[in-house]
Amino acid sequence: MPATIDATIGGATANSYLTVAAADTLTEAMLGTLAWTTASSDFKTRALITATRGLDTLGWIGTKTATTQALAWPRTDASCDGTDYADNIIPTPILYAAFDLANALLTTPGLLLTPPTSSTSLIPGIPNRTLSKLKADVLELTFRSDVSASAQAIVNPLTVLPHLATTLGCLTTSTIPGGTSRIINRVRS
């Protein structure tokens, strides 16, 4: 069954910041969009939904406009670099980041998924993400109950596409893991 986009700003069932048509319009002035322009409408839709889900894992300035909205944007009290963003819009940098991430997902569909063995595994090299305890004395395994066997966490989009930090600028409070911290200039009076 084909996926369906709901890009209603502030909507309770919204699942994407961009429609396929809006994303197609963005590509008209961009290079490096071959994956996008050659993809089917269904793949584009799925990529936009996944990209939006990935972006929504980031921290953002301001607060959600409504408690009933499904996505992180629009937001109230969102002011960045001298621009006050209205609480009924999705800022242009968010739209570009959503497209950029969706385009990258078309080339690498698992881009935002955690690898099967992560650095947080108790036993490196063995799939044991749900393992919470290992006792070697009398071999005892205890599995965590807070992780489903099929669930995969979404990787921080800034980790896989670091240039998104520049695109998003001061709209996000997230930083590139392991990267440098954001510098905030302070003026003394």
C-alpha atoms as a PDB file:
ATOM      1  CA  MET A   1       0.000   0.000   0.000  1.00  0.00           C
ATOM      2  CA  PRO A   2       1.440   3.396  -0.947  1.00  0.00           C
ATOM      3  CA  ALA A   3       2.290   5.807   1.861  1.00  0.00           C
ATOM      4  CA  THR A   4       0.327   9.047   2.203  1.00  0.00           C
ATOM      5  CA  ILE A   5       1.685  12.421   3.283  1.00  0.00           C
ATOM      6  CA  ASP A   6      -0.166  14.720   5.633  1.00  0.00           C
ATOM      7  CA  ALA A   7       1.734  18.031   5.602  1.00  0.00           C
ATOM      8  CA  THR A   8      -0.946  20.039   7.411  1.00  0.00           C
ATOM      9  CA  ILE A   9       0.894  22.680   9.426  1.00  0.00           C
ATOM     10  CA  GLY A  10       0.138  22.008  13.085  1.00  0.00           C
ATOM     11  CA  GLY A  11      -2.049  19.036  12.178  1.00  0.00           C
ATOM     12  CA  ALA A  12      -2.754  16.263  14.663  1.00  0.00           C
ATOM     13  CA  THR A  13      -1.985  13.617  12.031  1.00  0.00           C
ATOM     14  CA  ALA A  14       0.752  15.438  10.100  1.00  0.00           C
ATOM     15  CA  ASN A  15       3.682  13.197   9.187  1.00  0.00           C
ATOM     16  CA  SER A  16       5.819  15.382   6.908  1.00  0.00           C
ATOM     17  CA  TYR A  17       7.011  18.964   6.671  1.00  0.00           C
ATOM     18  CA  LEU A  18       6.840  18.835   2.866  1.00  0.00           C
ATOM     19  CA  THR A  19       4.544  17.427   0.227  1.00  0.00           C
ATOM     20  CA  VAL A  20       6.156  15.677  -2.741  1.00  0.00           C
ATOM     21  CA  ALA A  21       5.093  18.610  -4.951  1.00  0.00           C
ATOM     22  CA  ALA A  22       6.737  21.139  -2.611  1.00  0.00           C
ATOM     23  CA  ALA A  23       9.918  19.050  -2.514  1.00  0.00           C
ATOM     24  CA  ASP A  24       9.889  18.789  -6.309  1.00  0.00           C
ATOM     25  CA  THR A  25       9.786  22.592  -6.445  1.00  0.00           C
ATOM     26  CA  LEU A  26      12.835  22.829  -4.154  1.00  0.00           C
ATOM     27  CA  THR A  27      14.860  20.633  -6.517  1.00  0.00           C
ATOM     28  CA  GLU A  28      14.450  23.062  -9.403  1.00  0.00           C
ATOM     29  CA  ALA A  29      17.218  25.284  -8.026  1.00  0.00           C
ATOM     30  CA  MET A  30      19.471  22.579  -6.580  1.00  0.00           C
ATOM     31  CA  LEU A  31      22.265  20.298  -7.696  1.00  0.00           C
ATOM     32  CA  GLY A  32      22.733  16.745  -6.428  1.00  0.00           C
ATOM     33  CA  THR A  33      19.102  15.718  -6.623  1.00  0.00           C
ATOM     34  CA  LEU A  34      19.383  12.802  -9.048  1.00  0.00           C
ATOM     35  CA  ALA A  35      18.187  10.315  -6.411  1.00  0.00           C
ATOM     36  CA  TRP A  36      15.121  12.475  -5.846  1.00  0.00           C
ATOM     37  CA  THR A  37      14.252  13.194  -9.466  1.00  0.00           C
ATOM     38  CA  THR A  38      14.515   9.525 -10.470  1.00  0.00           C
ATOM     39  CA  ALA A  39      12.588   8.099  -7.503  1.00  0.00           C
ATOM     40  CA  SER A  40       8.958   7.029  -7.671  1.00  0.00           C
ATOM     41  CA  SER A  41       6.317   9.138  -5.953  1.00  0.00           C
ATOM     42  CA  ASP A  42       5.840   6.428  -3.307  1.00  0.00           C
ATOM     43  CA  PHE A  43       9.570   6.344  -2.483  1.00  0.00           C
ATOM     44  CA  LYS A  44       9.640  10.151  -2.305  1.00  0.00           C
ATOM     45  CA  THR A  45       6.683  10.068   0.075  1.00  0.00           C
ATOM     46  CA  ARG A  46       8.325   7.477   2.323  1.00  0.00           C
ATOM     47  CA  ALA A  47      11.610   9.395   2.294  1.00  0.00           C
ATOM     48  CA  LEU A  48       9.894  12.651   3.334  1.00  0.00           C
ATOM     49  CA  ILE A  49       8.017  10.930   6.159  1.00  0.00           C
ATOM     50  CA  THR A  50      11.196   9.236   7.409  1.00  0.00           C
ATOM     51  CA  ALA A  51      13.200  12.464   7.134  1.00  0.00           C
ATOM     52  CA  THR A  52      10.571  14.356   9.118  1.00  0.00           C
ATOM     53  CA  ARG A  53      10.566  11.652  11.782  1.00  0.00           C
ATOM     54  CA  GLY A  54      14.351  11.958  11.965  1.00  0.00           C
ATOM     55  CA  LEU A  55      14.304  15.739  12.250  1.00  0.00           C
ATOM     56  CA  ASP A  56      11.709  15.549  15.004  1.00  0.00           C
ATOM     57  CA  THR A  57      14.226  13.718  17.213  1.00  0.00           C
ATOM     58  CA  LEU A  58      16.253  16.937  17.456  1.00  0.00           C
ATOM     59  CA  GLY A  59      15.870  19.606  20.113  1.00  0.00           C
ATOM     60  CA  TRP A  60      14.298  22.865  18.937  1.00  0.00           C
ATOM     61  CA  ILE A  61      13.978  26.451  20.105  1.00  0.00           C
ATOM     62  CA  GLY A  62      10.565  27.602  21.334  1.00  0.00           C
ATOM     63  CA  THR A  63       7.666  25.324  22.176  1.00  0.00           C
ATOM     64  CA  LYS A  64       5.086  23.467  20.105  1.00  0.00           C
ATOM     65  CA  THR A  65       2.230  25.733  19.066  1.00  0.00           C
ATOM     66  CA  ALA A  66      -0.396  23.183  20.142  1.00  0.00           C
ATOM     67  CA  THR A  67      -0.230  20.095  22.322  1.00  0.00           C
ATOM     68  CA  THR A  68      -2.306  18.257  19.717  1.00  0.00           C
ATOM     69  CA  GLN A  69       0.106  18.771  16.812  1.00  0.00           C
ATOM     70  CA  ALA A  70       1.944  15.654  15.677  1.00  0.00           C
ATOM     71  CA  LEU A  71       5.208  17.280  14.599  1.00  0.00           C
ATOM     72  CA  ALA A  72       7.732  19.497  16.371  1.00  0.00           C
ATOM     73  CA  TRP A  73       6.956  22.485  14.107  1.00  0.00           C
ATOM     74  CA  PRO A  74       5.286  25.014  14.071  1.00  0.00           C
ATOM     75  CA  ARG A  75       6.478  26.538  17.351  1.00  0.00           C
ATOM     76  CA  THR A  76       5.804  29.592  19.465  1.00  0.00           C
ATOM     77  CA  ASP A  77       8.567  31.823  20.839  1.00  0.00           C
ATOM     78  CA  ALA A  78      10.846  30.716  17.995  1.00  0.00           C
ATOM     79  CA  SER A  79      13.315  33.520  17.409  1.00  0.00           C
ATOM     80  CA  CYS A  80      16.620  32.907  15.662  1.00  0.00           C
ATOM     81  CA  ASP A  81      19.279  35.288  14.333  1.00  0.00           C
ATOM     82  CA  GLY A  82      16.942  38.249  14.576  1.00  0.00           C
ATOM     83  CA  THR A  83      14.027  36.496  12.872  1.00  0.00           C
ATOM     84  CA  ASP A  84      10.838  35.826  14.789  1.00  0.00           C
ATOM     85  CA  TYR A  85       9.062  32.849  13.225  1.00  0.00           C
ATOM     86  CA  ALA A  86       5.270  32.950  13.206  1.00  0.00           C
ATOM     87  CA  ASP A  87       3.561  30.110  15.036  1.00  0.00           C
ATOM     88  CA  ASN A  88       1.728  29.003  11.901  1.00  0.00           C
ATOM     89  CA  ILE A  89       4.655  28.353   9.545  1.00  0.00           C
ATOM     90  CA  ILE A  90       7.456  25.866   9.038  1.00  0.00           C
ATOM     91  CA  PRO A  91      10.713  27.850   8.653  1.00  0.00           C
ATOM     92  CA  THR A  92      12.471  27.503   5.298  1.00  0.00           C
ATOM     93  CA  PRO A  93      15.618  25.934   6.852  1.00  0.00           C
ATOM     94  CA  ILE A  94      13.427  23.115   8.236  1.00  0.00           C
ATOM     95  CA  LEU A  95      11.981  22.520   4.759  1.00  0.00           C
ATOM     96  CA  TYR A  96      15.443  22.412   3.175  1.00  0.00           C
ATOM     97  CA  ALA A  97      16.740  20.071   5.887  1.00  0.00           C
ATOM     98  CA  ALA A  98      13.729  17.763   5.427  1.00  0.00           C
ATOM     99  CA  PHE A  99      14.334  17.632   1.691  1.00  0.00           C
ATOM    100  CA  ASP A 100      18.096  17.157   2.063  1.00  0.00           C
ATOM    101  CA  LEU A 101      17.607  14.272   4.481  1.00  0.00           C
ATOM    102  CA  ALA A 102      14.873  12.700   2.295  1.00  0.00           C
ATOM    103  CA  ASN A 103      17.134  12.913  -0.756  1.00  0.00           C
ATOM    104  CA  ALA A 104      19.957  11.213   1.176  1.00  0.00           C
ATOM    105  CA  LEU A 105      17.549   8.496   2.363  1.00  0.00           C
ATOM    106  CA  LEU A 106      16.693   7.636  -1.238  1.00  0.00           C
ATOM    107  CA  THR A 107      20.361   6.779  -1.802  1.00  0.00           C
ATOM    108  CA  THR A 108      20.895   5.136   1.612  1.00  0.00           C
ATOM    109  CA  PRO A 109      17.524   3.964   3.020  1.00  0.00           C
ATOM    110  CA  GLY A 110      18.988   2.789   6.351  1.00  0.00           C
ATOM    111  CA  LEU A 111      20.819   6.065   6.951  1.00  0.00           C
ATOM    112  CA  LEU A 112      18.888   6.898  10.127  1.00  0.00           C
ATOM    113  CA  LEU A 113      18.709   3.401  11.588  1.00  0.00           C
ATOM    114  CA  THR A 114      21.034   2.212  14.289  1.00  0.00           C
ATOM    115  CA  PRO A 115      23.363  -0.551  13.206  1.00  0.00           C
ATOM    116  CA  PRO A 116      22.496  -4.038  14.510  1.00  0.00           C
ATOM    117  CA  THR A 117      25.439  -3.953  16.897  1.00  0.00           C
ATOM    118  CA  SER A 118      26.029  -0.655  18.577  1.00  0.00           C
ATOM    119  CA  SER A 119      28.635   0.634  20.979  1.00  0.00           C
ATOM    120  CA  THR A 120      26.067   0.294  23.777  1.00  0.00           C
ATOM    121  CA  SER A 121      25.945  -3.497  23.415  1.00  0.00           C
ATOM    122  CA  LEU A 122      27.083  -5.467  26.425  1.00  0.00           C
ATOM    123  CA  ILE A 123      28.795  -8.030  24.195  1.00  0.00           C
ATOM    124  CA  PRO A 124      30.448  -6.338  21.182  1.00  0.00           C
ATOM    125  CA  GLY A 125      29.882  -8.144  17.905  1.00  0.00           C
ATOM    126  CA  ILE A 126      26.847 -10.086  19.110  1.00  0.00           C
ATOM    127  CA  PRO A 127      23.352  -8.652  18.538  1.00  0.00           C
ATOM    128  CA  ASN A 128      22.304  -7.999  22.120  1.00  0.00           C
ATOM    129  CA  ARG A 129      20.673  -4.582  22.132  1.00  0.00           C
ATOM    130  CA  THR A 130      17.912  -5.847  24.437  1.00  0.00           C
ATOM    131  CA  LEU A 131      20.316  -7.456  26.899  1.00  0.00           C
ATOM    132  CA  SER A 132      20.472  -5.666  30.230  1.00  0.00           C
ATOM    133  CA  LYS A 133      22.608  -8.074  32.266  1.00  0.00           C
ATOM    134  CA  LEU A 134      25.108 -10.878  31.655  1.00  0.00           C
ATOM    135  CA  LYS A 135      26.416 -13.008  34.486  1.00  0.00           C
ATOM    136  CA  ALA A 136      29.252 -15.309  33.391  1.00  0.00           C
ATOM    137  CA  ASP A 137      29.646 -17.094  36.755  1.00  0.00           C
ATOM    138  CA  VAL A 138      26.518 -19.196  36.226  1.00  0.00           C
ATOM    139  CA  LEU A 139      25.577 -17.941  32.763  1.00  0.00           C
ATOM    140  CA  GLU A 140      22.498 -15.827  33.329  1.00  0.00           C
ATOM    141  CA  LEU A 141      20.871 -13.636  30.679  1.00  0.00           C
ATOM    142  CA  THR A 142      18.313 -10.981  31.525  1.00  0.00           C
ATOM    143  CA  PHE A 143      16.716  -9.024  28.673  1.00  0.00           C
ATOM    144  CA  ARG A 144      15.450  -5.481  28.945  1.00  0.00           C
ATOM    145  CA  SER A 145      11.682  -5.151  28.732  1.00  0.00           C
ATOM    146  CA  ASP A 146      11.718  -1.576  27.437  1.00  0.00           C
ATOM    147  CA  VAL A 147      12.975  -2.534  23.932  1.00  0.00           C
ATOM    148  CA  SER A 148      10.975  -4.479  21.379  1.00  0.00           C
ATOM    149  CA  ALA A 149      12.873  -7.033  19.324  1.00  0.00           C
ATOM    150  CA  SER A 150      11.945  -5.335  16.056  1.00  0.00           C
ATOM    151  CA  ALA A 151      12.360  -1.715  17.157  1.00  0.00           C
ATOM    152  CA  GLN A 152      15.236   0.300  15.759  1.00  0.00           C
ATOM    153  CA  ALA A 153      16.201   3.676  17.113  1.00  0.00           C
ATOM    154  CA  ILE A 154      16.620   6.632  14.804  1.00  0.00           C
ATOM    155  CA  VAL A 155      20.134   8.020  14.630  1.00  0.00           C
ATOM    156  CA  ASN A 156      20.615  11.738  15.207  1.00  0.00           C
ATOM    157  CA  PRO A 157      20.385  13.245  11.687  1.00  0.00           C
ATOM    158  CA  LEU A 158      23.258  15.611  12.524  1.00  0.00           C
ATOM    159  CA  THR A 159      25.515  12.577  12.954  1.00  0.00           C
ATOM    160  CA  VAL A 160      24.913  11.231   9.452  1.00  0.00           C
ATOM    161  CA  LEU A 161      24.581  14.595   7.670  1.00  0.00           C
ATOM    162  CA  PRO A 162      26.647  17.081   9.732  1.00  0.00           C
ATOM    163  CA  HIS A 163      25.983  19.932   7.266  1.00  0.00           C
ATOM    164  CA  LEU A 164      22.359  19.955   8.490  1.00  0.00           C
ATOM    165  CA  ALA A 165      23.639  21.734  11.609  1.00  0.00           C
ATOM    166  CA  THR A 166      24.558  24.664   9.348  1.00  0.00           C
ATOM    167  CA  THR A 167      21.251  24.486   7.460  1.00  0.00           C
ATOM    168  CA  LEU A 168      19.225  24.490  10.675  1.00  0.00           C
ATOM    169  CA  GLY A 169      21.450  26.982  12.473  1.00  0.00           C
ATOM    170  CA  CYS A 170      20.046  28.349  15.699  1.00  0.00           C
ATOM    171  CA  LEU A 171      16.620  26.743  15.128  1.00  0.00           C
ATOM    172  CA  THR A 172      17.917  23.550  16.728  1.00  0.00           C
ATOM    173  CA  THR A 173      19.350  23.168  20.198  1.00  0.00           C
ATOM    174  CA  SER A 174      20.964  19.856  19.192  1.00  0.00           C
ATOM    175  CA  THR A 175      24.623  19.571  18.308  1.00  0.00           C
ATOM    176  CA  ILE A 176      26.658  17.079  16.337  1.00  0.00           C
ATOM    177  CA  PRO A 177      27.488  14.243  18.768  1.00  0.00           C
ATOM    178  CA  GLY A 178      31.201  14.253  19.437  1.00  0.00           C
ATOM    179  CA  GLY A 179      31.495  17.591  17.655  1.00  0.00           C
ATOM    180  CA  THR A 180      32.295  20.985  18.986  1.00  0.00           C
ATOM    181  CA  SER A 181      29.827  22.848  21.114  1.00  0.00           C
ATOM    182  CA  ARG A 182      27.921  25.845  19.852  1.00  0.00           C
ATOM    183  CA  ILE A 183      29.584  29.142  20.770  1.00  0.00           C
ATOM    184  CA  ILE A 184      27.322  31.785  22.209  1.00  0.00           C
ATOM    185  CA  ASN A 185      28.705  35.309  22.158  1.00  0.00           C
ATOM    186  CA  ARG A 186      28.160  37.309  25.322  1.00  0.00           C
ATOM    187  CA  VAL A 187      28.205  41.074  25.380  1.00  0.00           C
ATOM    188  CA  ARG A 188      28.992  42.799  28.654  1.00  0.00           C
ATOM    189  CA  SER A 189      27.351  46.091  29.330  1.00  0.00           C
END
